[in-house]
Amino acid sequence: MGICASEPATPEEQQGICKAMAKEMMLISVNPALGRCDQIKVTMPPAFDQMGKASADLKKMAEESKNKPEASQAEAEELWRVNGGIMGMLGIPHRFVTAGVESAANLAMDGVSAGLVAAADVLDKASKEIEGPMSTIGKDICAAKKEEISKVLCKYIVESKIEGAVELCKGPPDTAISDYLVGQASKHITTQLMGVVGEVIDGHQAIEAWRAAIYQYNAAIEQVGKLKMGWKMGYIVFDINKYICEQTVLGLAKEMGKDEAEVRKNPTDKANNHKVIFFKVFNGDQLTKSDYKTVCLEIP
């Protein structure tokens, strides 16, 4: 018995149709999203806030150190030695912060205060040097590797498994498919993309600035810890390359969502494949067994 063209598709068949059309929605959104690479923004990593907190803590400690009682001769000598390490780490001559101080104790404490302030200033400067390049790295990655990124995304979309495709296609929200297929899978896609964009990330000014800042931060943590002033702040060990790649993927997901939302408003003639069925899915029309056969079954 043949299939009646108007016979409604079963729930399982509807899922099959919608899986195919959800993928089609994403495939037609990839290149337009990459064409707006200037909109891809990488937010500052969480570790960036840690540097800001460290700077604020160092300045507070510097102020508090001025009000401490005079150190003993032995304590003064130890403070002087450790502070020399701080200033050396910063590339500042030790004598620079001690001019005009007469007693050994005051010399040590004033030197420590100045050293802490100098360390905080270095972290502030390093942080500022990160922000500019970091704001453009997502755009720069996409511009440099547009074709390669498109291939990776399209391959992932075609091979991906989709659960609840009918609900995704019906929405809300209007970005449901992009959120599910790209946004929620950003870590998996990042793993595939790293081999494509890793070289661009490594050579970017943002990475150079980040590594310099982390070196300064971790060096400050080590040296200030020797002062035994009760300051506890962890070292920063962070995979910045992976973070930037994932943020770029999330930025692309957001841009693909914009296209998805627009296509949903008027799905007429938007698909590259199965235009009529694509329209029916996103227009909310009834799907049929014939649609399922066209989209999902191999026809000899």
Foldseek 3Di string as FASTA:
>chain_A
DDFDQPAFDDPVLLLVLLLLLLLLLLLLLQQVLLVVLQQQFADDDPVLVLLVVLLVVLLVVLVVLQPDPFDDLVLLVLLLVLLCLLCVLVVHHLVVQQPPPDDSRNSSSSSSSVSSNSLSVVLVVLSVQLVPQNGCLLSVLSVVQVPVLSVLLSVQSVPDDDDPSLDQLADDPLLSSLCPSQVVCLLVSLVVCCVVRVVVVVPTSNVVSVVVSLSSVQSCQVSVVSSVPPDDGDRDDDDVSSSSSSSSSNSSSVSSSVSSSVCLVPVQPSGPPPSVSSRCSSVVHGHRPVSSCVRPNDDD
